[in-house]
Amino acid sequence: MGDKLYLAMGECNGTKVVMAVGYTPEYADKKAKQFEASSNGFVKYMDISVIATGEKVKCDTIQRIAETVA
């Protein structure tokens, strides 16, 4: 297990919620975007909180990763 967890955060009915958890920010971002799409916009993906493993308080925030055009 890594030294950090990445929690993709969203908003649902005015409440901040965890949409996805990953060992990399890319994985958390990918799963949160899938969650947002499957919710038909009901849950809005906001950003990624970085949490040190074993801690309860975030140590950093990463903005939502921009879409890439293939």
C-alpha atoms as a PDB file:
ATOM      1  CA  MET A   1       0.000   0.000   0.000  1.00  0.00           C
ATOM      2  CA  GLY A   2       1.225   3.493  -0.818  1.00  0.00           C
ATOM      3  CA  ASP A   3       1.835   6.358   1.568  1.00  0.00           C
ATOM      4  CA  LYS A   4      -1.109   8.364   0.185  1.00  0.00           C
ATOM      5  CA  LEU A   5      -4.729   7.800  -0.797  1.00  0.00           C
ATOM      6  CA  TYR A   6      -6.556   9.898  -3.366  1.00  0.00           C
ATOM      7  CA  LEU A   7     -10.240  10.624  -2.693  1.00  0.00           C
ATOM      8  CA  ALA A   8     -12.235  12.013  -5.609  1.00  0.00           C
ATOM      9  CA  MET A   9     -14.745  14.399  -4.055  1.00  0.00           C
ATOM     10  CA  GLY A  10     -18.104  15.427  -5.408  1.00  0.00           C
ATOM     11  CA  GLU A  11     -21.301  17.205  -4.477  1.00  0.00           C
ATOM     12  CA  CYS A  12     -24.718  15.583  -4.125  1.00  0.00           C
ATOM     13  CA  ASN A  13     -27.728  17.575  -2.914  1.00  0.00           C
ATOM     14  CA  GLY A  14     -25.409  20.221  -1.437  1.00  0.00           C
ATOM     15  CA  THR A  15     -23.360  17.655   0.510  1.00  0.00           C
ATOM     16  CA  LYS A  16     -19.699  16.870  -0.158  1.00  0.00           C
ATOM     17  CA  VAL A  17     -19.284  13.142  -0.880  1.00  0.00           C
ATOM     18  CA  VAL A  18     -16.467  10.713  -1.716  1.00  0.00           C
ATOM     19  CA  MET A  19     -16.994   9.403  -5.251  1.00  0.00           C
ATOM     20  CA  ALA A  20     -13.893   7.219  -5.627  1.00  0.00           C
ATOM     21  CA  VAL A  21     -10.744   6.169  -3.768  1.00  0.00           C
ATOM     22  CA  GLY A  22      -7.478   5.245  -5.460  1.00  0.00           C
ATOM     23  CA  TYR A  23      -3.776   4.689  -4.899  1.00  0.00           C
ATOM     24  CA  THR A  24      -3.105   7.096  -7.794  1.00  0.00           C
ATOM     25  CA  PRO A  25      -4.832  10.387  -8.626  1.00  0.00           C
ATOM     26  CA  GLU A  26      -5.387   9.172 -12.197  1.00  0.00           C
ATOM     27  CA  TYR A  27      -7.397   6.144 -11.025  1.00  0.00           C
ATOM     28  CA  ALA A  28      -9.517   8.191  -8.595  1.00  0.00           C
ATOM     29  CA  ASP A  29     -10.145  10.738 -11.381  1.00  0.00           C
ATOM     30  CA  LYS A  30     -11.134   8.032 -13.888  1.00  0.00           C
ATOM     31  CA  LYS A  31     -13.595   6.363 -11.494  1.00  0.00           C
ATOM     32  CA  ALA A  32     -15.114   9.696 -10.397  1.00  0.00           C
ATOM     33  CA  LYS A  33     -15.723  10.674 -14.029  1.00  0.00           C
ATOM     34  CA  GLN A  34     -17.451   7.308 -14.596  1.00  0.00           C
ATOM     35  CA  PHE A  35     -19.556   7.873 -11.451  1.00  0.00           C
ATOM     36  CA  GLU A  36     -20.510  11.399 -12.585  1.00  0.00           C
ATOM     37  CA  ALA A  37     -21.513  10.149 -16.049  1.00  0.00           C
ATOM     38  CA  SER A  38     -23.598   7.270 -14.679  1.00  0.00           C
ATOM     39  CA  SER A  39     -25.405   9.618 -12.286  1.00  0.00           C
ATOM     40  CA  ASN A  40     -26.590  11.703 -15.273  1.00  0.00           C
ATOM     41  CA  GLY A  41     -25.116  14.829 -13.681  1.00  0.00           C
ATOM     42  CA  PHE A  42     -26.903  14.323 -10.348  1.00  0.00           C
ATOM     43  CA  VAL A  43     -23.522  14.031  -8.591  1.00  0.00           C
ATOM     44  CA  LYS A  44     -20.929  16.629  -9.644  1.00  0.00           C
ATOM     45  CA  TYR A  45     -17.227  15.716  -9.487  1.00  0.00           C
ATOM     46  CA  MET A  46     -15.207  18.553  -7.896  1.00  0.00           C
ATOM     47  CA  ASP A  47     -11.593  17.683  -6.975  1.00  0.00           C
ATOM     48  CA  ILE A  48      -9.269  15.089  -5.411  1.00  0.00           C
ATOM     49  CA  SER A  49      -8.290  15.181  -1.734  1.00  0.00           C
ATOM     50  CA  VAL A  50      -4.880  13.727  -0.887  1.00  0.00           C
ATOM     51  CA  ILE A  51      -4.772  11.887   2.434  1.00  0.00           C
ATOM     52  CA  ALA A  52      -1.633  10.430   4.037  1.00  0.00           C
ATOM     53  CA  THR A  53      -2.276   6.744   4.819  1.00  0.00           C
ATOM     54  CA  GLY A  54      -3.503   6.402   8.402  1.00  0.00           C
ATOM     55  CA  GLU A  55      -4.427  10.082   8.762  1.00  0.00           C
ATOM     56  CA  LYS A  56      -7.865  11.703   8.934  1.00  0.00           C
ATOM     57  CA  VAL A  57      -7.072  15.173   7.581  1.00  0.00           C
ATOM     58  CA  LYS A  58      -6.237  15.919   3.941  1.00  0.00           C
ATOM     59  CA  CYS A  59      -2.736  17.145   3.211  1.00  0.00           C
ATOM     60  CA  ASP A  60      -3.390  18.489  -0.304  1.00  0.00           C
ATOM     61  CA  THR A  61      -6.030  19.038  -2.981  1.00  0.00           C
ATOM     62  CA  ILE A  62      -5.587  18.222  -6.674  1.00  0.00           C
ATOM     63  CA  GLN A  63      -7.861  19.805  -9.246  1.00  0.00           C
ATOM     64  CA  ARG A  64      -9.958  17.571 -11.458  1.00  0.00           C
ATOM     65  CA  ILE A  65      -7.706  16.185 -14.217  1.00  0.00           C
ATOM     66  CA  ALA A  66      -8.503  17.717 -17.610  1.00  0.00           C
ATOM     67  CA  GLU A  67      -9.958  15.534 -20.341  1.00  0.00           C
ATOM     68  CA  THR A  68      -7.469  14.415 -22.965  1.00  0.00           C
ATOM     69  CA  VAL A  69      -8.357  14.253 -26.638  1.00  0.00           C
ATOM     70  CA  ALA A  70      -7.156  11.068 -28.291  1.00  0.00           C
END
